[in-house]
Amino acid sequence: MVVAVEPPGTESLVARIIEELEAQPEARAQLLRALLTDEFLMLPAKIDQALEDIASLKEDVTGLKDAQVETNQRLGEVESKVGSLKEETNRRLGSLEEAQVETNQRLGSLEDAQVETNQRLGSLEDAQVETNRRLGNLEDAQVETNRRLDRLQGEVSGLVGDRMESHIARNIYSIISQPLGLSHANVYKRITQDTTRDLLDPLENALDEGLIDKRQYDRILNTDIVFTARRRGGSVERVWCAVEISNTVGANDVSRAQESADALSSVVDNEILAIAAGPYITDEAQSLTQSCGVEFVRTPSLD
């Protein structure tokens, strides 16, 4: 007789399995592998990894919080600096605006001053035109004054020259002849008196014969003094002297004396002396007397 065996109940099966597992702990892993899928078995490792990731995230979050705190601090500092800069900028802009106002005021004053300056310059220009006109009148007057002074000076020089020539002619021996070693002077021509026939006759004969030309003829007649004299202790032959007289003997006086003597040498056969006489002589004239062989006789001043 077959006796049917009733399968054990679920609760009793579970109780037996637990008993076996408690008796054989090493069988737990086998039972788990039998009961669970591979994915389920890997869950603890994934959980551990997730926990590690969570811990890492916590650390990252903590770092981000710290960074955020630092960022907030730095942002606060930046905001504070920006605020300070804004205040300083506003202050400086205010100062610039005030300075600009003052600048505009000063520019206005300068513009007003420029207007006044232009007005004054206009007045000065008008005054300059008037001054130039008056200076032109003065220059014209000065020209006329100089012309009259030149005429008066010429007249005075002529009077002084006449006086000096008359004085020298009257004292020809002591003033001219004696210093040159001459004696027995005989004046034939002086500017203040008519030329004697003793000079005119041979002059006119020489001009007629073509020995001298009209220019040489006039040169002799325009000579200040023409006289003859004898050398002391020498020949009885007379020396002819052509004298040009000036208060200050210049180069022109020396040249005229030389030209007169050259012209006389074509009229008479005697020795001829060219003489320049006066109280003073220029350096140029002094040098010219030496190169031309003209005698210079210093006469007393009539001042």
Protein backbone atom coordinates (compact mmCIF):
# COMPACT_ATOMS: atom_id res chain seq x y z
CA MET A 1 0.00 0.00 0.00
CA VAL A 2 1.33 3.22 -1.14
CA VAL A 3 1.16 6.04 1.29
CA ALA A 4 0.96 9.50 -0.26
CA VAL A 5 3.38 11.95 1.12
CA GLU A 6 2.03 15.52 1.47
CA PRO A 7 4.48 18.20 0.41
CA PRO A 8 5.58 20.41 3.22
CA GLY A 9 3.98 23.87 3.58
CA THR A 10 5.71 27.06 2.52
CA GLU A 11 6.30 28.27 6.01
CA SER A 12 7.82 25.02 7.10
CA LEU A 13 10.03 24.96 3.99
CA VAL A 14 11.30 28.39 4.69
CA ALA A 15 11.89 27.44 8.31
CA ARG A 16 13.91 24.40 7.27
CA ILE A 17 15.96 26.42 4.80
CA ILE A 18 16.74 28.97 7.49
CA GLU A 19 17.78 26.20 9.84
CA GLU A 20 20.05 24.71 7.20
CA LEU A 21 21.59 28.09 6.45
CA GLU A 22 22.19 28.68 10.14
CA ALA A 23 23.81 25.30 10.36
CA GLN A 24 25.80 25.78 7.18
CA PRO A 25 26.55 29.50 6.77
CA GLU A 26 28.75 28.81 3.74
CA ALA A 27 25.64 27.74 1.85
CA ARG A 28 24.16 31.20 2.04
CA ALA A 29 26.16 32.45 -0.90
CA GLN A 30 25.14 29.45 -3.01
CA LEU A 31 21.49 29.99 -2.10
CA LEU A 32 21.70 33.67 -2.97
CA ARG A 33 23.28 32.86 -6.31
CA ALA A 34 20.52 30.40 -6.95
CA LEU A 35 17.74 32.75 -5.93
CA LEU A 36 19.00 36.08 -7.28
CA THR A 37 19.90 37.28 -10.81
CA ASP A 38 23.35 38.55 -11.67
CA GLU A 39 22.10 42.12 -11.75
CA PHE A 40 20.62 41.78 -8.31
CA LEU A 41 23.79 40.19 -7.04
CA MET A 42 25.76 43.16 -8.38
CA LEU A 43 23.48 45.60 -6.59
CA PRO A 44 25.56 45.86 -3.40
CA ALA A 45 28.63 46.75 -5.41
CA LYS A 46 26.63 49.32 -7.33
CA ILE A 47 25.22 50.66 -4.09
CA ASP A 48 28.70 50.89 -2.66
CA GLN A 49 29.83 52.72 -5.83
CA ALA A 50 26.78 54.96 -5.60
CA LEU A 51 27.60 55.68 -1.98
CA GLU A 52 31.16 56.50 -2.96
CA ASP A 53 29.86 58.74 -5.75
CA ILE A 54 27.45 60.36 -3.31
CA ALA A 55 30.32 60.94 -0.87
CA SER A 56 32.38 62.41 -3.69
CA LEU A 57 29.43 64.56 -4.70
CA LYS A 58 29.09 65.67 -1.10
CA GLU A 59 32.74 66.63 -1.15
CA ASP A 60 32.25 68.44 -4.48
CA VAL A 61 29.15 70.15 -3.15
CA THR A 62 31.07 71.17 -0.04
CA GLY A 63 33.87 72.51 -2.27
CA LEU A 64 31.31 74.34 -4.39
CA LYS A 65 29.73 75.78 -1.26
CA ASP A 66 33.16 76.92 -0.07
CA ALA A 67 33.89 78.32 -3.53
CA GLN A 68 30.51 80.00 -3.55
CA VAL A 69 31.25 81.55 -0.17
CA GLU A 70 34.62 82.78 -1.45
CA THR A 71 32.97 83.97 -4.65
CA ASN A 72 30.34 85.79 -2.63
CA GLN A 73 33.09 87.36 -0.52
CA ARG A 74 35.03 88.44 -3.59
CA LEU A 75 31.83 89.68 -5.23
CA GLY A 76 31.16 91.68 -2.09
CA GLU A 77 34.65 93.13 -2.23
CA VAL A 78 34.22 93.89 -5.94
CA GLU A 79 30.84 95.48 -5.28
CA SER A 80 32.41 97.53 -2.49
CA LYS A 81 35.27 98.64 -4.76
CA VAL A 82 32.84 99.37 -7.57
CA GLY A 83 30.78 101.42 -5.17
CA SER A 84 33.87 103.31 -4.03
CA LEU A 85 34.96 103.81 -7.63
CA LYS A 86 31.50 104.97 -8.55
CA GLU A 87 31.52 107.46 -5.70
CA GLU A 88 35.02 108.67 -6.66
CA THR A 89 34.02 108.85 -10.31
CA ASN A 90 30.90 110.83 -9.45
CA ARG A 91 32.97 113.11 -7.23
CA ARG A 92 35.56 113.68 -9.95
CA LEU A 93 32.88 114.18 -12.57
CA GLY A 94 31.33 116.76 -10.30
CA SER A 95 34.69 118.49 -9.96
CA LEU A 96 35.15 118.37 -13.73
CA GLU A 97 31.72 119.84 -14.27
CA GLU A 98 32.54 122.65 -11.84
CA ALA A 99 35.90 123.17 -13.55
CA GLN A 100 34.15 123.23 -16.92
CA VAL A 101 31.81 125.91 -15.66
CA GLU A 102 34.80 127.96 -14.48
CA THR A 103 36.58 127.32 -17.79
CA ASN A 104 33.56 128.54 -19.72
CA GLN A 105 33.48 131.65 -17.56
CA ARG A 106 37.19 132.29 -18.13
CA LEU A 107 36.77 131.69 -21.88
CA GLY A 108 33.98 134.23 -21.86
CA SER A 109 36.26 136.70 -20.11
CA LEU A 110 39.02 135.98 -22.63
CA GLU A 111 36.65 136.52 -25.51
CA ASP A 112 35.60 139.85 -24.03
CA ALA A 113 39.26 140.76 -23.52
CA GLN A 114 40.01 139.76 -27.12
CA VAL A 115 37.26 142.04 -28.37
CA GLU A 116 38.75 144.89 -26.33
CA THR A 117 42.24 144.01 -27.58
CA ASN A 118 41.04 144.10 -31.18
CA GLN A 119 39.46 147.48 -30.56
CA ARG A 120 42.67 148.80 -29.03
CA LEU A 121 44.74 147.33 -31.89
CA GLY A 122 42.45 149.09 -34.33
CA SER A 123 43.04 152.34 -32.49
CA LEU A 124 46.80 151.70 -32.50
CA GLU A 125 46.74 150.98 -36.22
CA ASP A 126 44.92 154.24 -36.84
CA ALA A 127 47.45 156.02 -34.62
CA GLN A 128 50.29 154.31 -36.52
CA VAL A 129 48.91 155.55 -39.82
CA GLU A 130 48.83 159.07 -38.41
CA THR A 131 52.34 158.62 -36.98
CA ASN A 132 53.63 157.40 -40.35
CA ARG A 133 52.05 160.40 -42.04
CA ARG A 134 53.67 162.77 -39.58
CA LEU A 135 57.01 160.93 -39.89
CA GLY A 136 56.75 161.31 -43.65
CA ASN A 137 56.25 165.03 -43.18
CA LEU A 138 59.22 165.14 -40.80
CA GLU A 139 61.37 163.20 -43.26
CA ASP A 140 60.46 165.64 -46.02
CA ALA A 141 61.26 168.51 -43.66
CA GLN A 142 64.55 166.82 -42.72
CA VAL A 143 65.50 166.48 -46.37
CA GLU A 144 64.86 170.18 -46.87
CA THR A 145 66.78 170.98 -43.67
CA ASN A 146 69.72 168.84 -44.80
CA ARG A 147 69.67 170.56 -48.19
CA ARG A 148 69.74 173.96 -46.55
CA LEU A 149 72.44 172.85 -44.11
CA ASP A 150 74.52 171.52 -47.00
CA ARG A 151 74.13 174.87 -48.76
CA LEU A 152 75.02 176.77 -45.60
CA GLN A 153 77.92 174.44 -44.93
CA GLY A 154 79.15 175.00 -48.45
CA GLU A 155 78.81 178.73 -47.99
CA VAL A 156 80.58 178.59 -44.63
CA SER A 157 83.29 176.33 -46.05
CA GLY A 158 83.69 178.76 -48.92
CA LEU A 159 84.00 181.68 -46.53
CA VAL A 160 86.46 179.75 -44.36
CA GLY A 161 88.37 178.69 -47.48
CA ASP A 162 88.46 182.25 -48.80
CA ARG A 163 89.63 183.51 -45.46
CA MET A 164 92.27 180.79 -45.19
CA GLU A 165 93.47 181.30 -48.78
CA SER A 166 93.64 185.07 -48.25
CA HIS A 167 95.56 184.54 -45.03
CA ILE A 168 97.98 182.09 -46.66
CA ALA A 169 98.44 184.32 -49.73
CA ARG A 170 99.26 187.30 -47.51
CA ASN A 171 101.68 185.17 -45.52
CA ILE A 172 102.92 182.93 -48.31
CA TYR A 173 106.54 183.18 -47.23
CA SER A 174 106.10 182.18 -43.61
CA ILE A 175 103.33 179.63 -44.16
CA ILE A 176 104.29 177.88 -47.43
CA SER A 177 107.68 179.01 -48.77
CA GLN A 178 109.74 178.83 -45.60
CA PRO A 179 108.68 175.27 -44.59
CA LEU A 180 109.60 174.09 -48.14
CA GLY A 181 112.95 175.94 -48.19
CA LEU A 182 111.76 178.57 -50.71
CA SER A 183 112.17 182.34 -50.80
CA HIS A 184 111.18 185.36 -52.90
CA ALA A 185 107.63 184.15 -53.43
CA ASN A 186 105.59 185.87 -56.12
CA VAL A 187 101.85 185.07 -56.19
CA TYR A 188 100.34 184.92 -59.69
CA LYS A 189 96.94 183.56 -58.86
CA ARG A 190 94.73 183.46 -55.79
CA ILE A 191 91.05 182.52 -55.63
CA THR A 192 89.99 185.86 -54.12
CA GLN A 193 91.73 187.97 -56.80
CA ASP A 194 92.04 188.07 -60.56
CA THR A 195 94.79 186.00 -62.11
CA THR A 196 97.74 188.16 -63.21
CA ARG A 197 98.74 188.43 -66.86
CA ASP A 198 102.08 186.89 -65.94
CA LEU A 199 100.16 183.59 -65.63
CA LEU A 200 97.31 184.19 -68.08
CA ASP A 201 99.56 184.99 -71.04
CA PRO A 202 101.57 181.75 -71.00
CA LEU A 203 98.36 179.80 -70.25
CA GLU A 204 96.52 181.24 -73.23
CA ASN A 205 99.54 180.72 -75.49
CA ALA A 206 99.80 177.07 -74.37
CA LEU A 207 96.08 176.57 -75.03
CA ASP A 208 96.37 178.17 -78.50
CA GLU A 209 99.40 176.05 -79.37
CA GLY A 210 97.66 172.89 -78.19
CA LEU A 211 100.13 172.25 -75.39
CA ILE A 212 97.22 171.97 -72.96
CA ASP A 213 93.50 171.37 -73.46
CA LYS A 214 90.57 173.32 -72.08
CA ARG A 215 90.23 171.03 -69.09
CA GLN A 216 93.86 171.60 -68.07
CA TYR A 217 93.45 175.33 -68.70
CA ASP A 218 90.43 175.44 -66.38
CA ARG A 219 92.24 173.28 -63.83
CA ILE A 220 95.07 175.79 -63.53
CA LEU A 221 92.68 178.74 -63.31
CA ASN A 222 90.70 176.92 -60.59
CA THR A 223 93.80 176.21 -58.52
CA ASP A 224 93.57 177.99 -55.16
CA ILE A 225 97.02 179.61 -55.30
CA VAL A 226 99.73 179.61 -57.97
CA PHE A 227 103.04 181.27 -57.10
CA THR A 228 106.71 181.12 -57.96
CA ALA A 229 109.70 181.14 -55.63
CA ARG A 230 113.39 180.36 -55.56
CA ARG A 231 115.08 177.63 -53.55
CA ARG A 232 117.26 179.12 -50.84
CA GLY A 233 120.92 178.74 -51.56
CA GLY A 234 120.25 177.21 -54.96
CA SER A 235 119.62 178.22 -58.57
CA VAL A 236 118.05 181.50 -59.51
CA GLU A 237 115.52 179.56 -61.57
CA ARG A 238 112.07 179.99 -60.15
CA VAL A 239 109.97 177.04 -58.94
CA TRP A 240 106.29 177.09 -59.88
CA CYS A 241 103.94 175.98 -57.09
CA ALA A 242 100.29 174.82 -57.45
CA VAL A 243 98.58 174.94 -54.05
CA GLU A 244 95.21 173.45 -53.02
CA ILE A 245 93.99 174.68 -49.63
CA SER A 246 91.40 173.08 -47.31
CA ASN A 247 90.64 173.16 -43.60
CA THR A 248 90.87 169.36 -43.71
CA VAL A 249 92.92 168.19 -46.69
CA GLY A 250 91.30 165.20 -48.35
CA ALA A 251 92.19 162.88 -51.21
CA ASN A 252 90.42 165.16 -53.72
CA ASP A 253 92.55 168.14 -52.65
CA VAL A 254 95.72 166.09 -53.18
CA SER A 255 94.51 164.91 -56.61
CA ARG A 256 93.65 168.46 -57.71
CA ALA A 257 97.07 169.75 -56.64
CA GLN A 258 98.72 166.95 -58.67
CA GLU A 259 96.55 167.68 -61.74
CA SER A 260 97.34 171.41 -61.54
CA ALA A 261 101.07 170.70 -61.31
CA ASP A 262 100.90 168.29 -64.28
CA ALA A 263 99.07 170.93 -66.37
CA LEU A 264 101.60 173.63 -65.41
CA SER A 265 104.46 171.38 -66.50
CA SER A 266 103.10 171.63 -70.05
CA VAL A 267 103.06 175.43 -69.85
CA VAL A 268 106.45 176.29 -68.29
CA ASP A 269 109.80 174.57 -68.36
CA ASN A 270 110.58 175.26 -64.71
CA GLU A 271 110.45 172.87 -61.78
CA ILE A 272 106.84 172.34 -60.57
CA LEU A 273 105.71 171.61 -57.00
CA ALA A 274 102.25 170.24 -56.16
CA ILE A 275 101.26 171.39 -52.66
CA ALA A 276 98.29 170.58 -50.43
CA ALA A 277 97.97 172.88 -47.42
CA GLY A 278 95.68 173.02 -44.40
CA PRO A 279 95.53 172.58 -40.63
CA TYR A 280 94.33 168.94 -40.87
CA ILE A 281 94.67 166.00 -43.29
CA THR A 282 92.91 162.64 -43.54
CA ASP A 283 94.83 159.37 -43.37
CA GLU A 284 93.86 158.60 -46.97
CA ALA A 285 95.12 161.98 -48.18
CA GLN A 286 98.35 161.59 -46.19
CA SER A 287 99.01 158.24 -47.87
CA LEU A 288 98.17 159.70 -51.27
CA THR A 289 100.65 162.61 -50.88
CA GLN A 290 103.44 160.08 -50.38
CA SER A 291 102.50 158.00 -53.42
CA CYS A 292 101.89 161.03 -55.72
CA GLY A 293 104.83 163.15 -54.61
CA VAL A 294 102.57 165.98 -53.39
CA GLU A 295 103.96 168.18 -50.60
CA PHE A 296 101.73 168.61 -47.55
CA VAL A 297 102.16 171.81 -45.53
CA ARG A 298 100.35 172.02 -42.23
CA THR A 299 99.07 175.54 -41.72
CA PRO A 300 97.82 177.27 -38.56
CA SER A 301 94.14 176.77 -37.81
CA LEU A 302 91.94 179.86 -38.08
CA ASP A 303 89.35 178.49 -35.59
